[in-house]
Amino acid sequence: MAVPKRRMSRSNTRHRRARWKASAPDLVPVRVDGRWLMVPRRLVRAVERGLVPPPLV
């Protein structure tokens, strides 16, 4: 594991952490049981096959 040589100030630490934000997943329209649902791209095939229940809207 990398270990910093010097201590980072609280201000710099908070500025660095502020940039790491979770982004919303890109949603894709999928037809399930005759309805169009917005599903995250990585779950499209699982929802189509019925392995994952479709999201409740």
PDB file of N, CA and C in Angstrom:
ATOM      1  N   MET A   1       0.840  -1.180   0.000  1.00  0.00           N
ATOM      2  CA  MET A   1       0.000   0.000   0.000  1.00  0.00           C
ATOM      3  C   MET A   1       0.879   1.236   0.000  1.00  0.00           C
ATOM      4  N   ALA A   2       0.488   2.227  -0.786  1.00  0.00           N
ATOM      5  CA  ALA A   2       1.270   3.459  -0.865  1.00  0.00           C
ATOM      6  C   ALA A   2       1.091   4.269   0.411  1.00  0.00           C
ATOM      7  N   VAL A   3       2.194   4.803   0.895  1.00  0.00           N
ATOM      8  CA  VAL A   3       2.171   5.633   2.094  1.00  0.00           C
ATOM      9  C   VAL A   3       2.744   6.997   1.737  1.00  0.00           C
ATOM     10  N   PRO A   4       2.004   8.083   2.042  1.00  0.00           N
ATOM     11  CA  PRO A   4       2.512   9.408   1.693  1.00  0.00           C
ATOM     12  C   PRO A   4       3.752   9.772   2.504  1.00  0.00           C
ATOM     13  N   LYS A   5       4.673  10.504   1.872  1.00  0.00           N
ATOM     14  CA  LYS A   5       5.884  10.925   2.575  1.00  0.00           C
ATOM     15  C   LYS A   5       5.597  12.035   3.569  1.00  0.00           C
ATOM     16  N   ARG A   6       4.648  12.886   3.230  1.00  0.00           N
ATOM     17  CA  ARG A   6       4.327  14.005   4.105  1.00  0.00           C
ATOM     18  C   ARG A   6       2.832  14.040   4.398  1.00  0.00           C
ATOM     19  N   ARG A   7       2.503  14.688   5.480  1.00  0.00           N
ATOM     20  CA  ARG A   7       1.114  14.833   5.856  1.00  0.00           C
ATOM     21  C   ARG A   7       0.407  15.802   4.917  1.00  0.00           C
ATOM     22  N   MET A   8      -0.798  15.438   4.504  1.00  0.00           N
ATOM     23  CA  MET A   8      -1.580  16.318   3.636  1.00  0.00           C
ATOM     24  C   MET A   8      -2.496  17.169   4.519  1.00  0.00           C
ATOM     25  N   SER A   9      -2.585  18.445   4.202  1.00  0.00           N
ATOM     26  CA  SER A   9      -3.397  19.344   5.023  1.00  0.00           C
ATOM     27  C   SER A   9      -4.873  18.964   4.935  1.00  0.00           C
ATOM     28  N   ARG A  10      -5.619  19.377   5.918  1.00  0.00           N
ATOM     29  CA  ARG A  10      -7.052  19.089   5.939  1.00  0.00           C
ATOM     30  C   ARG A  10      -7.753  19.714   4.741  1.00  0.00           C
ATOM     31  N   SER A  11      -7.343  20.913   4.375  1.00  0.00           N
ATOM     32  CA  SER A  11      -7.949  21.599   3.227  1.00  0.00           C
ATOM     33  C   SER A  11      -7.715  20.812   1.940  1.00  0.00           C
ATOM     34  N   ASN A  12      -6.478  20.382   1.706  1.00  0.00           N
ATOM     35  CA  ASN A  12      -6.178  19.610   0.501  1.00  0.00           C
ATOM     36  C   ASN A  12      -6.914  18.276   0.494  1.00  0.00           C
ATOM     37  N   THR A  13      -7.003  17.643   1.648  1.00  0.00           N
ATOM     38  CA  THR A  13      -7.690  16.362   1.739  1.00  0.00           C
ATOM     39  C   THR A  13      -9.158  16.526   1.361  1.00  0.00           C
ATOM     40  N   ARG A  14      -9.785  17.557   1.880  1.00  0.00           N
ATOM     41  CA  ARG A  14     -11.207  17.760   1.608  1.00  0.00           C
ATOM     42  C   ARG A  14     -11.448  18.148   0.163  1.00  0.00           C
ATOM     43  N   HIS A  15     -10.548  18.916  -0.433  1.00  0.00           N
ATOM     44  CA  HIS A  15     -10.692  19.258  -1.842  1.00  0.00           C
ATOM     45  C   HIS A  15     -10.559  18.004  -2.709  1.00  0.00           C
ATOM     46  N   ARG A  16      -9.633  17.139  -2.339  1.00  0.00           N
ATOM     47  CA  ARG A  16      -9.438  15.909  -3.104  1.00  0.00           C
ATOM     48  C   ARG A  16     -10.661  15.009  -2.987  1.00  0.00           C
ATOM     49  N   ARG A  17     -11.182  14.850  -1.786  1.00  0.00           N
ATOM     50  CA  ARG A  17     -12.336  13.974  -1.574  1.00  0.00           C
ATOM     51  C   ARG A  17     -13.595  14.523  -2.217  1.00  0.00           C
ATOM     52  N   ALA A  18     -13.694  15.836  -2.336  1.00  0.00           N
ATOM     53  CA  ALA A  18     -14.899  16.445  -2.889  1.00  0.00           C
ATOM     54  C   ALA A  18     -15.082  16.097  -4.356  1.00  0.00           C
ATOM     55  N   ARG A  19     -14.013  15.747  -5.038  1.00  0.00           N
ATOM     56  CA  ARG A  19     -14.116  15.424  -6.462  1.00  0.00           C
ATOM     57  C   ARG A  19     -14.658  14.030  -6.709  1.00  0.00           C
ATOM     58  N   TRP A  20     -14.547  13.142  -5.716  1.00  0.00           N
ATOM     59  CA  TRP A  20     -15.007  11.761  -5.888  1.00  0.00           C
ATOM     60  C   TRP A  20     -16.484  11.707  -5.556  1.00  0.00           C
ATOM     61  N   LYS A  21     -17.308  11.686  -6.584  1.00  0.00           N
ATOM     62  CA  LYS A  21     -18.745  11.640  -6.369  1.00  0.00           C
ATOM     63  C   LYS A  21     -19.327  10.485  -7.167  1.00  0.00           C
ATOM     64  N   ALA A  22     -20.331   9.897  -6.606  1.00  0.00           N
ATOM     65  CA  ALA A  22     -21.007   8.814  -7.316  1.00  0.00           C
ATOM     66  C   ALA A  22     -21.850   9.415  -8.434  1.00  0.00           C
ATOM     67  N   SER A  23     -21.813   8.790  -9.590  1.00  0.00           N
ATOM     68  CA  SER A  23     -22.627   9.261 -10.702  1.00  0.00           C
ATOM     69  C   SER A  23     -23.831   8.339 -10.862  1.00  0.00           C
ATOM     70  N   ALA A  24     -24.926   8.909 -11.290  1.00  0.00           N
ATOM     71  CA  ALA A  24     -26.139   8.129 -11.490  1.00  0.00           C
ATOM     72  C   ALA A  24     -25.931   7.169 -12.663  1.00  0.00           C
ATOM     73  N   PRO A  25     -26.431   5.951 -12.559  1.00  0.00           N
ATOM     74  CA  PRO A  25     -26.256   5.008 -13.664  1.00  0.00           C
ATOM     75  C   PRO A  25     -27.057   5.450 -14.885  1.00  0.00           C
ATOM     76  N   ASP A  26     -26.494   5.220 -16.067  1.00  0.00           N
ATOM     77  CA  ASP A  26     -27.224   5.588 -17.273  1.00  0.00           C
ATOM     78  C   ASP A  26     -28.321   4.562 -17.498  1.00  0.00           C
ATOM     79  N   LEU A  27     -29.546   5.056 -17.652  1.00  0.00           N
ATOM     80  CA  LEU A  27     -30.706   4.190 -17.778  1.00  0.00           C
ATOM     81  C   LEU A  27     -31.053   3.967 -19.242  1.00  0.00           C
ATOM     82  N   VAL A  28     -31.504   2.753 -19.521  1.00  0.00           N
ATOM     83  CA  VAL A  28     -31.829   2.352 -20.885  1.00  0.00           C
ATOM     84  C   VAL A  28     -33.276   1.857 -20.884  1.00  0.00           C
ATOM     85  N   PRO A  29     -34.074   2.231 -21.895  1.00  0.00           N
ATOM     86  CA  PRO A  29     -35.450   1.714 -21.947  1.00  0.00           C
ATOM     87  C   PRO A  29     -35.469   0.237 -22.344  1.00  0.00           C
ATOM     88  N   VAL A  30     -36.236  -0.567 -21.603  1.00  0.00           N
ATOM     89  CA  VAL A  30     -36.360  -2.000 -21.855  1.00  0.00           C
ATOM     90  C   VAL A  30     -37.842  -2.365 -21.794  1.00  0.00           C
ATOM     91  N   ARG A  31     -38.266  -3.214 -22.710  1.00  0.00           N
ATOM     92  CA  ARG A  31     -39.662  -3.635 -22.723  1.00  0.00           C
ATOM     93  C   ARG A  31     -39.800  -4.938 -21.936  1.00  0.00           C
ATOM     94  N   VAL A  32     -40.597  -4.895 -20.855  1.00  0.00           N
ATOM     95  CA  VAL A  32     -40.829  -6.068 -20.014  1.00  0.00           C
ATOM     96  C   VAL A  32     -42.335  -6.196 -19.814  1.00  0.00           C
ATOM     97  N   ASP A  33     -42.881  -7.340 -20.204  1.00  0.00           N
ATOM     98  CA  ASP A  33     -44.322  -7.603 -20.060  1.00  0.00           C
ATOM     99  C   ASP A  33     -45.169  -6.503 -20.701  1.00  0.00           C
ATOM    100  N   GLY A  34     -44.738  -6.014 -21.838  1.00  0.00           N
ATOM    101  CA  GLY A  34     -45.513  -5.006 -22.557  1.00  0.00           C
ATOM    102  C   GLY A  34     -45.353  -3.591 -22.041  1.00  0.00           C
ATOM    103  N   ARG A  35     -44.520  -3.389 -21.031  1.00  0.00           N
ATOM    104  CA  ARG A  35     -44.293  -2.039 -20.497  1.00  0.00           C
ATOM    105  C   ARG A  35     -42.855  -1.647 -20.755  1.00  0.00           C
ATOM    106  N   TRP A  36     -42.653  -0.361 -20.981  1.00  0.00           N
ATOM    107  CA  TRP A  36     -41.292   0.158 -21.146  1.00  0.00           C
ATOM    108  C   TRP A  36     -40.801   0.626 -19.785  1.00  0.00           C
ATOM    109  N   LEU A  37     -39.668   0.104 -19.363  1.00  0.00           N
ATOM    110  CA  LEU A  37     -39.069   0.467 -18.081  1.00  0.00           C
ATOM    111  C   LEU A  37     -37.667   1.004 -18.305  1.00  0.00           C
ATOM    112  N   MET A  38     -37.243   1.899 -17.454  1.00  0.00           N
ATOM    113  CA  MET A  38     -35.884   2.413 -17.492  1.00  0.00           C
ATOM    114  C   MET A  38     -35.047   1.588 -16.512  1.00  0.00           C
ATOM    115  N   VAL A  39     -34.026   0.928 -17.057  1.00  0.00           N
ATOM    116  CA  VAL A  39     -33.201   0.008 -16.276  1.00  0.00           C
ATOM    117  C   VAL A  39     -31.740   0.389 -16.460  1.00  0.00           C
ATOM    118  N   PRO A  40     -30.913   0.261 -15.422  1.00  0.00           N
ATOM    119  CA  PRO A  40     -29.476   0.501 -15.608  1.00  0.00           C
ATOM    120  C   PRO A  40     -28.913  -0.409 -16.687  1.00  0.00           C
ATOM    121  N   ARG A  41     -27.985   0.112 -17.467  1.00  0.00           N
ATOM    122  CA  ARG A  41     -27.450  -0.604 -18.629  1.00  0.00           C
ATOM    123  C   ARG A  41     -26.884  -1.976 -18.253  1.00  0.00           C
ATOM    124  N   ARG A  42     -26.251  -2.075 -17.104  1.00  0.00           N
ATOM    125  CA  ARG A  42     -25.616  -3.339 -16.748  1.00  0.00           C
ATOM    126  C   ARG A  42     -26.617  -4.412 -16.334  1.00  0.00           C
ATOM    127  N   LEU A  43     -27.889  -4.034 -16.098  1.00  0.00           N
ATOM    128  CA  LEU A  43     -28.893  -5.008 -15.685  1.00  0.00           C
ATOM    129  C   LEU A  43     -29.896  -5.342 -16.783  1.00  0.00           C
ATOM    130  N   VAL A  44     -29.708  -4.821 -17.979  1.00  0.00           N
ATOM    131  CA  VAL A  44     -30.686  -4.998 -19.058  1.00  0.00           C
ATOM    132  C   VAL A  44     -30.923  -6.471 -19.342  1.00  0.00           C
ATOM    133  N   ARG A  45     -29.869  -7.228 -19.589  1.00  0.00           N
ATOM    134  CA  ARG A  45     -30.039  -8.636 -19.961  1.00  0.00           C
ATOM    135  C   ARG A  45     -30.637  -9.447 -18.821  1.00  0.00           C
ATOM    136  N   ALA A  46     -30.270  -9.145 -17.587  1.00  0.00           N
ATOM    137  CA  ALA A  46     -30.805  -9.884 -16.446  1.00  0.00           C
ATOM    138  C   ALA A  46     -32.295  -9.612 -16.283  1.00  0.00           C
ATOM    139  N   VAL A  47     -32.726  -8.366 -16.514  1.00  0.00           N
ATOM    140  CA  VAL A  47     -34.148  -8.041 -16.406  1.00  0.00           C
ATOM    141  C   VAL A  47     -34.918  -8.702 -17.545  1.00  0.00           C
ATOM    142  N   GLU A  48     -34.365  -8.702 -18.746  1.00  0.00           N
ATOM    143  CA  GLU A  48     -35.034  -9.338 -19.880  1.00  0.00           C
ATOM    144  C   GLU A  48     -35.223 -10.842 -19.665  1.00  0.00           C
ATOM    145  N   ARG A  49     -34.256 -11.487 -19.063  1.00  0.00           N
ATOM    146  CA  ARG A  49     -34.328 -12.930 -18.823  1.00  0.00           C
ATOM    147  C   ARG A  49     -35.160 -13.280 -17.592  1.00  0.00           C
ATOM    148  N   GLY A  50     -35.473 -12.283 -16.768  1.00  0.00           N
ATOM    149  CA  GLY A  50     -36.264 -12.531 -15.565  1.00  0.00           C
ATOM    150  C   GLY A  50     -35.438 -12.916 -14.360  1.00  0.00           C
ATOM    151  N   LEU A  51     -34.125 -12.744 -14.442  1.00  0.00           N
ATOM    152  CA  LEU A  51     -33.259 -13.086 -13.305  1.00  0.00           C
ATOM    153  C   LEU A  51     -33.325 -12.019 -12.219  1.00  0.00           C
ATOM    154  N   VAL A  52     -33.591 -10.785 -12.631  1.00  0.00           N
ATOM    155  CA  VAL A  52     -33.693  -9.671 -11.687  1.00  0.00           C
ATOM    156  C   VAL A  52     -35.083  -9.066 -11.839  1.00  0.00           C
ATOM    157  N   PRO A  53     -35.809  -8.844 -10.740  1.00  0.00           N
ATOM    158  CA  PRO A  53     -37.140  -8.248 -10.887  1.00  0.00           C
ATOM    159  C   PRO A  53     -37.036  -6.824 -11.437  1.00  0.00           C
ATOM    160  N   PRO A  54     -37.980  -6.428 -12.284  1.00  0.00           N
ATOM    161  CA  PRO A  54     -37.933  -5.067 -12.827  1.00  0.00           C
ATOM    162  C   PRO A  54     -38.150  -4.050 -11.701  1.00  0.00           C
ATOM    163  N   PRO A  55     -37.596  -2.866 -11.855  1.00  0.00           N
ATOM    164  CA  PRO A  55     -37.734  -1.854 -10.803  1.00  0.00           C
ATOM    165  C   PRO A  55     -39.181  -1.397 -10.669  1.00  0.00           C
ATOM    166  N   LEU A  56     -39.571  -1.109  -9.448  1.00  0.00           N
ATOM    167  CA  LEU A  56     -40.936  -0.628  -9.193  1.00  0.00           C
ATOM    168  C   LEU A  56     -40.996   0.871  -9.475  1.00  0.00           C
ATOM    169  N   VAL A  57     -41.950   1.259 -10.263  1.00  0.00           N
ATOM    170  CA  VAL A  57     -42.078   2.680 -10.617  1.00  0.00           C
ATOM    171  C   VAL A  57     -43.333   3.244 -10.031  1.00  0.00           C
TER     172      VAL A  57
END
